[in-house]
Amino acid sequence: MTLLARAPTLVLPLLLLPAAVRLLRDFLSCAPGAAYTDILFRTFRLELYFSVLLSAGVLLMRVLR
């Protein structure tokens, strides 16, 4: 709760939690083979979106101070 009170914009990456859970579920139920390529690409996108949201949160925190 302290992080939310001090820097509420840093929790922006939590918006990706449903996508991360869906990705994990799909990975666990995926048959081995070529289907892993799609999982790998989706993982890359999730990491990219996470870094963008975290950076946006830091920038917003600086602007709103």
N, C-alpha and C. Protein backbone atom coordinates (compact mmCIF):
# COMPACT_ATOMS: atom_id res chain seq x y z
N MET A 1 0.82 -1.19 0.00
CA MET A 1 0.00 0.00 0.00
C MET A 1 0.86 1.25 0.00
N THR A 2 2.05 1.16 0.57
CA THR A 2 2.93 2.31 0.63
C THR A 2 3.36 2.75 -0.77
N LEU A 3 3.68 1.79 -1.64
CA LEU A 3 4.08 2.13 -3.00
C LEU A 3 2.95 2.83 -3.73
N LEU A 4 1.75 2.35 -3.54
CA LEU A 4 0.59 2.97 -4.19
C LEU A 4 0.38 4.40 -3.70
N ALA A 5 0.65 4.65 -2.44
CA ALA A 5 0.47 5.99 -1.89
C ALA A 5 1.58 6.92 -2.35
N ARG A 6 2.80 6.41 -2.45
CA ARG A 6 3.94 7.27 -2.80
C ARG A 6 4.09 7.46 -4.30
N ALA A 7 3.82 6.42 -5.08
CA ALA A 7 4.02 6.49 -6.53
C ALA A 7 2.94 5.68 -7.24
N PRO A 8 1.73 6.20 -7.32
CA PRO A 8 0.64 5.41 -7.90
C PRO A 8 0.84 5.09 -9.38
N THR A 9 1.63 5.88 -10.08
CA THR A 9 1.82 5.62 -11.51
C THR A 9 2.72 4.42 -11.76
N LEU A 10 3.47 3.99 -10.77
CA LEU A 10 4.36 2.84 -10.96
C LEU A 10 3.62 1.51 -10.99
N VAL A 11 2.34 1.53 -10.69
CA VAL A 11 1.57 0.29 -10.74
C VAL A 11 0.90 0.10 -12.10
N LEU A 12 1.20 0.96 -13.06
CA LEU A 12 0.64 0.83 -14.41
C LEU A 12 0.90 -0.55 -15.03
N PRO A 13 2.09 -1.15 -14.84
CA PRO A 13 2.31 -2.47 -15.43
C PRO A 13 1.36 -3.56 -14.92
N LEU A 14 0.71 -3.31 -13.80
CA LEU A 14 -0.25 -4.30 -13.30
C LEU A 14 -1.44 -4.46 -14.23
N LEU A 15 -1.63 -3.52 -15.13
CA LEU A 15 -2.70 -3.65 -16.12
C LEU A 15 -2.47 -4.86 -17.02
N LEU A 16 -1.23 -5.33 -17.08
CA LEU A 16 -0.89 -6.47 -17.93
C LEU A 16 -1.05 -7.81 -17.22
N LEU A 17 -1.46 -7.80 -15.98
CA LEU A 17 -1.59 -9.05 -15.23
C LEU A 17 -2.53 -10.05 -15.89
N PRO A 18 -3.71 -9.66 -16.38
CA PRO A 18 -4.56 -10.65 -17.06
C PRO A 18 -3.89 -11.27 -18.29
N ALA A 19 -3.16 -10.46 -19.04
CA ALA A 19 -2.45 -10.99 -20.22
C ALA A 19 -1.35 -11.97 -19.79
N ALA A 20 -0.67 -11.67 -18.70
CA ALA A 20 0.38 -12.57 -18.21
C ALA A 20 -0.20 -13.90 -17.75
N VAL A 21 -1.33 -13.85 -17.07
CA VAL A 21 -1.98 -15.08 -16.61
C VAL A 21 -2.46 -15.90 -17.80
N ARG A 22 -3.02 -15.24 -18.78
CA ARG A 22 -3.47 -15.93 -20.00
C ARG A 22 -2.30 -16.56 -20.74
N LEU A 23 -1.17 -15.86 -20.79
CA LEU A 23 0.02 -16.39 -21.44
C LEU A 23 0.54 -17.61 -20.70
N LEU A 24 0.57 -17.56 -19.39
CA LEU A 24 1.01 -18.71 -18.60
C LEU A 24 0.08 -19.90 -18.81
N ARG A 25 -1.22 -19.65 -18.79
CA ARG A 25 -2.18 -20.74 -19.01
C ARG A 25 -1.99 -21.37 -20.38
N ASP A 26 -1.80 -20.54 -21.40
CA ASP A 26 -1.58 -21.07 -22.75
C ASP A 26 -0.27 -21.84 -22.85
N PHE A 27 0.76 -21.36 -22.16
CA PHE A 27 2.05 -22.06 -22.18
C PHE A 27 1.94 -23.44 -21.55
N LEU A 28 1.23 -23.51 -20.43
CA LEU A 28 1.11 -24.79 -19.73
C LEU A 28 0.26 -25.80 -20.50
N SER A 29 -0.64 -25.31 -21.32
CA SER A 29 -1.50 -26.23 -22.07
C SER A 29 -1.04 -26.43 -23.51
N CYS A 30 0.06 -25.82 -23.88
CA CYS A 30 0.54 -25.87 -25.26
C CYS A 30 1.29 -27.18 -25.51
N ALA A 31 1.02 -27.76 -26.67
CA ALA A 31 1.76 -28.96 -27.07
C ALA A 31 3.16 -28.55 -27.51
N PRO A 32 4.17 -29.35 -27.21
CA PRO A 32 5.52 -29.00 -27.61
C PRO A 32 5.65 -28.93 -29.13
N GLY A 33 6.52 -28.05 -29.56
CA GLY A 33 6.75 -27.94 -31.00
C GLY A 33 6.64 -26.52 -31.49
N ALA A 34 6.10 -26.39 -32.67
CA ALA A 34 6.04 -25.09 -33.34
C ALA A 34 5.14 -24.09 -32.61
N ALA A 35 4.22 -24.57 -31.80
CA ALA A 35 3.33 -23.67 -31.07
C ALA A 35 4.09 -22.81 -30.07
N TYR A 36 5.27 -23.26 -29.67
CA TYR A 36 6.07 -22.46 -28.74
C TYR A 36 6.53 -21.14 -29.38
N THR A 37 6.59 -21.09 -30.68
CA THR A 37 7.00 -19.86 -31.36
C THR A 37 6.00 -18.74 -31.07
N ASP A 38 4.72 -19.06 -31.11
CA ASP A 38 3.70 -18.07 -30.79
C ASP A 38 3.80 -17.63 -29.34
N ILE A 39 4.03 -18.57 -28.44
CA ILE A 39 4.18 -18.24 -27.03
C ILE A 39 5.39 -17.34 -26.82
N LEU A 40 6.48 -17.63 -27.50
CA LEU A 40 7.69 -16.81 -27.38
C LEU A 40 7.44 -15.39 -27.88
N PHE A 41 6.75 -15.25 -29.00
CA PHE A 41 6.44 -13.93 -29.54
C PHE A 41 5.52 -13.15 -28.59
N ARG A 42 4.54 -13.82 -28.04
CA ARG A 42 3.63 -13.17 -27.09
C ARG A 42 4.37 -12.76 -25.82
N THR A 43 5.35 -13.56 -25.41
CA THR A 43 6.16 -13.21 -24.24
C THR A 43 6.97 -11.95 -24.52
N PHE A 44 7.55 -11.87 -25.72
CA PHE A 44 8.29 -10.68 -26.11
C PHE A 44 7.40 -9.44 -26.07
N ARG A 45 6.20 -9.55 -26.63
CA ARG A 45 5.27 -8.42 -26.62
C ARG A 45 4.91 -8.00 -25.20
N LEU A 46 4.68 -9.00 -24.33
CA LEU A 46 4.33 -8.70 -22.94
C LEU A 46 5.48 -7.95 -22.26
N GLU A 47 6.72 -8.37 -22.48
CA GLU A 47 7.86 -7.69 -21.89
C GLU A 47 8.00 -6.27 -22.44
N LEU A 48 7.74 -6.10 -23.72
CA LEU A 48 7.82 -4.78 -24.34
C LEU A 48 6.75 -3.85 -23.74
N TYR A 49 5.52 -4.34 -23.65
CA TYR A 49 4.44 -3.53 -23.08
C TYR A 49 4.72 -3.19 -21.61
N PHE A 50 5.28 -4.16 -20.88
CA PHE A 50 5.62 -3.93 -19.48
C PHE A 50 6.63 -2.80 -19.36
N SER A 51 7.67 -2.84 -20.18
CA SER A 51 8.70 -1.80 -20.09
C SER A 51 8.15 -0.44 -20.50
N VAL A 52 7.26 -0.41 -21.48
CA VAL A 52 6.65 0.86 -21.89
C VAL A 52 5.78 1.42 -20.77
N LEU A 53 4.97 0.58 -20.15
CA LEU A 53 4.11 1.06 -19.07
C LEU A 53 4.91 1.49 -17.84
N LEU A 54 5.98 0.76 -17.53
CA LEU A 54 6.81 1.14 -16.39
C LEU A 54 7.50 2.47 -16.66
N SER A 55 8.02 2.63 -17.87
CA SER A 55 8.67 3.90 -18.22
C SER A 55 7.67 5.05 -18.20
N ALA A 56 6.47 4.81 -18.71
CA ALA A 56 5.44 5.85 -18.68
C ALA A 56 5.09 6.21 -17.24
N GLY A 57 5.05 5.22 -16.37
CA GLY A 57 4.75 5.48 -14.96
C GLY A 57 5.82 6.34 -14.31
N VAL A 58 7.08 6.05 -14.62
CA VAL A 58 8.18 6.85 -14.06
C VAL A 58 8.11 8.28 -14.58
N LEU A 59 7.88 8.43 -15.88
CA LEU A 59 7.79 9.77 -16.46
C LEU A 59 6.60 10.54 -15.88
N LEU A 60 5.47 9.88 -15.75
CA LEU A 60 4.31 10.54 -15.15
C LEU A 60 4.56 10.95 -13.70
N MET A 61 5.27 10.10 -12.99
CA MET A 61 5.58 10.41 -11.60
C MET A 61 6.43 11.68 -11.53
N ARG A 62 7.38 11.80 -12.46
CA ARG A 62 8.23 12.99 -12.49
C ARG A 62 7.44 14.24 -12.87
N VAL A 63 6.54 14.10 -13.83
CA VAL A 63 5.76 15.25 -14.31
C VAL A 63 4.77 15.70 -13.25
N LEU A 64 4.15 14.76 -12.55
CA LEU A 64 3.11 15.10 -11.58
C LEU A 64 3.65 15.59 -10.24
N ARG A 65 4.94 15.52 -10.03
CA ARG A 65 5.51 15.98 -8.76
C ARG A 65 5.52 17.46 -8.66
